[in-house]
Amino acid sequence: MPYTIGLVPGPNVINSFMQDGCPVDYSDHLAIAASHRGAMIALNALDPAHPRPVPCEFVPPLTG
């Protein structure tokens, strides 16, 4: 399936991609659960009034 199948359209919806702004993050479906980058993107979406810096760290493919 294409990755775009899970995009949710709607008001106030932001679809984020792990690799946007960080070309060395190869997080796959499982690695996102333990990703610092994924956590900061989620926290910033939940609390936009208090944004946190989103790190850019190397995450290898498949092994996370």
C-alpha atoms as a PDB file:
ATOM      1  CA  MET A   1       0.000   0.000   0.000  1.00  0.00           C
ATOM      2  CA  PRO A   2       1.241   3.514  -0.623  1.00  0.00           C
ATOM      3  CA  TYR A   3       2.153   5.515   2.486  1.00  0.00           C
ATOM      4  CA  THR A   4      -0.480   8.083   1.558  1.00  0.00           C
ATOM      5  CA  ILE A   5      -3.306   5.631   2.340  1.00  0.00           C
ATOM      6  CA  GLY A   6      -3.171   6.603   6.027  1.00  0.00           C
ATOM      7  CA  LEU A   7      -3.382  10.359   5.548  1.00  0.00           C
ATOM      8  CA  VAL A   8      -6.405  11.819   7.265  1.00  0.00           C
ATOM      9  CA  PRO A   9      -7.967  14.862   5.586  1.00  0.00           C
ATOM     10  CA  GLY A  10      -9.840  17.371   7.681  1.00  0.00           C
ATOM     11  CA  PRO A  11      -9.764  20.694   9.477  1.00  0.00           C
ATOM     12  CA  ASN A  12      -6.858  21.158  11.896  1.00  0.00           C
ATOM     13  CA  VAL A  13      -5.139  18.003  10.593  1.00  0.00           C
ATOM     14  CA  ILE A  14      -1.407  18.001   9.904  1.00  0.00           C
ATOM     15  CA  ASN A  15       0.106  14.904   8.349  1.00  0.00           C
ATOM     16  CA  SER A  16       3.790  14.704   9.282  1.00  0.00           C
ATOM     17  CA  PHE A  17       6.446  12.570   7.647  1.00  0.00           C
ATOM     18  CA  MET A  18       9.429  11.484   9.741  1.00  0.00           C
ATOM     19  CA  GLN A  19      11.873  12.270   6.950  1.00  0.00           C
ATOM     20  CA  ASP A  20      10.628  15.829   6.378  1.00  0.00           C
ATOM     21  CA  GLY A  21      13.444  18.077   7.524  1.00  0.00           C
ATOM     22  CA  CYS A  22      15.693  15.171   8.533  1.00  0.00           C
ATOM     23  CA  PRO A  23      17.112  13.171   5.637  1.00  0.00           C
ATOM     24  CA  VAL A  24      19.002  10.774   7.978  1.00  0.00           C
ATOM     25  CA  ASP A  25      15.877   9.527   9.775  1.00  0.00           C
ATOM     26  CA  TYR A  26      14.854   6.273   8.092  1.00  0.00           C
ATOM     27  CA  SER A  27      12.270   5.342  10.728  1.00  0.00           C
ATOM     28  CA  ASP A  28       9.955   2.632   9.527  1.00  0.00           C
ATOM     29  CA  HIS A  29       6.557   1.721  10.924  1.00  0.00           C
ATOM     30  CA  LEU A  30       7.944   0.061  14.070  1.00  0.00           C
ATOM     31  CA  ALA A  31      10.834   2.455  14.750  1.00  0.00           C
ATOM     32  CA  ILE A  32       8.505   5.454  15.001  1.00  0.00           C
ATOM     33  CA  ALA A  33       7.220   4.141  18.349  1.00  0.00           C
ATOM     34  CA  ALA A  34      10.652   4.689  19.945  1.00  0.00           C
ATOM     35  CA  SER A  35      11.692   7.728  17.921  1.00  0.00           C
ATOM     36  CA  HIS A  36      12.645  10.955  19.708  1.00  0.00           C
ATOM     37  CA  ARG A  37      11.687  12.806  16.545  1.00  0.00           C
ATOM     38  CA  GLY A  38       8.267  11.158  16.434  1.00  0.00           C
ATOM     39  CA  ALA A  39       7.653  11.968  20.101  1.00  0.00           C
ATOM     40  CA  MET A  40       8.513  15.648  19.650  1.00  0.00           C
ATOM     41  CA  ILE A  41       6.358  15.933  16.515  1.00  0.00           C
ATOM     42  CA  ALA A  42       3.429  14.412  18.429  1.00  0.00           C
ATOM     43  CA  LEU A  43       3.980  16.587  21.534  1.00  0.00           C
ATOM     44  CA  ASN A  44       4.198  19.725  19.393  1.00  0.00           C
ATOM     45  CA  ALA A  45       0.954  18.798  17.659  1.00  0.00           C
ATOM     46  CA  LEU A  46      -0.773  18.260  21.009  1.00  0.00           C
ATOM     47  CA  ASP A  47       0.592  21.446  22.600  1.00  0.00           C
ATOM     48  CA  PRO A  48       1.352  24.002  19.864  1.00  0.00           C
ATOM     49  CA  ALA A  49       1.562  26.828  22.421  1.00  0.00           C
ATOM     50  CA  HIS A  50       4.739  25.276  23.878  1.00  0.00           C
ATOM     51  CA  PRO A  51       6.760  23.917  20.946  1.00  0.00           C
ATOM     52  CA  ARG A  52       9.804  21.778  21.633  1.00  0.00           C
ATOM     53  CA  PRO A  53      12.781  21.420  19.287  1.00  0.00           C
ATOM     54  CA  VAL A  54      12.460  18.429  16.971  1.00  0.00           C
ATOM     55  CA  PRO A  55      15.766  16.539  16.848  1.00  0.00           C
ATOM     56  CA  CYS A  56      17.333  15.190  13.698  1.00  0.00           C
ATOM     57  CA  GLU A  57      19.164  11.961  14.514  1.00  0.00           C
ATOM     58  CA  PHE A  58      20.345   9.098  12.372  1.00  0.00           C
ATOM     59  CA  VAL A  59      17.878   6.217  12.564  1.00  0.00           C
ATOM     60  CA  PRO A  60      18.888   3.185  10.492  1.00  0.00           C
ATOM     61  CA  PRO A  61      16.283   1.458   8.328  1.00  0.00           C
ATOM     62  CA  LEU A  62      14.687  -1.778   9.554  1.00  0.00           C
ATOM     63  CA  THR A  63      16.515  -1.860  12.894  1.00  0.00           C
ATOM     64  CA  GLY A  64      15.586   1.613  14.160  1.00  0.00           C
END
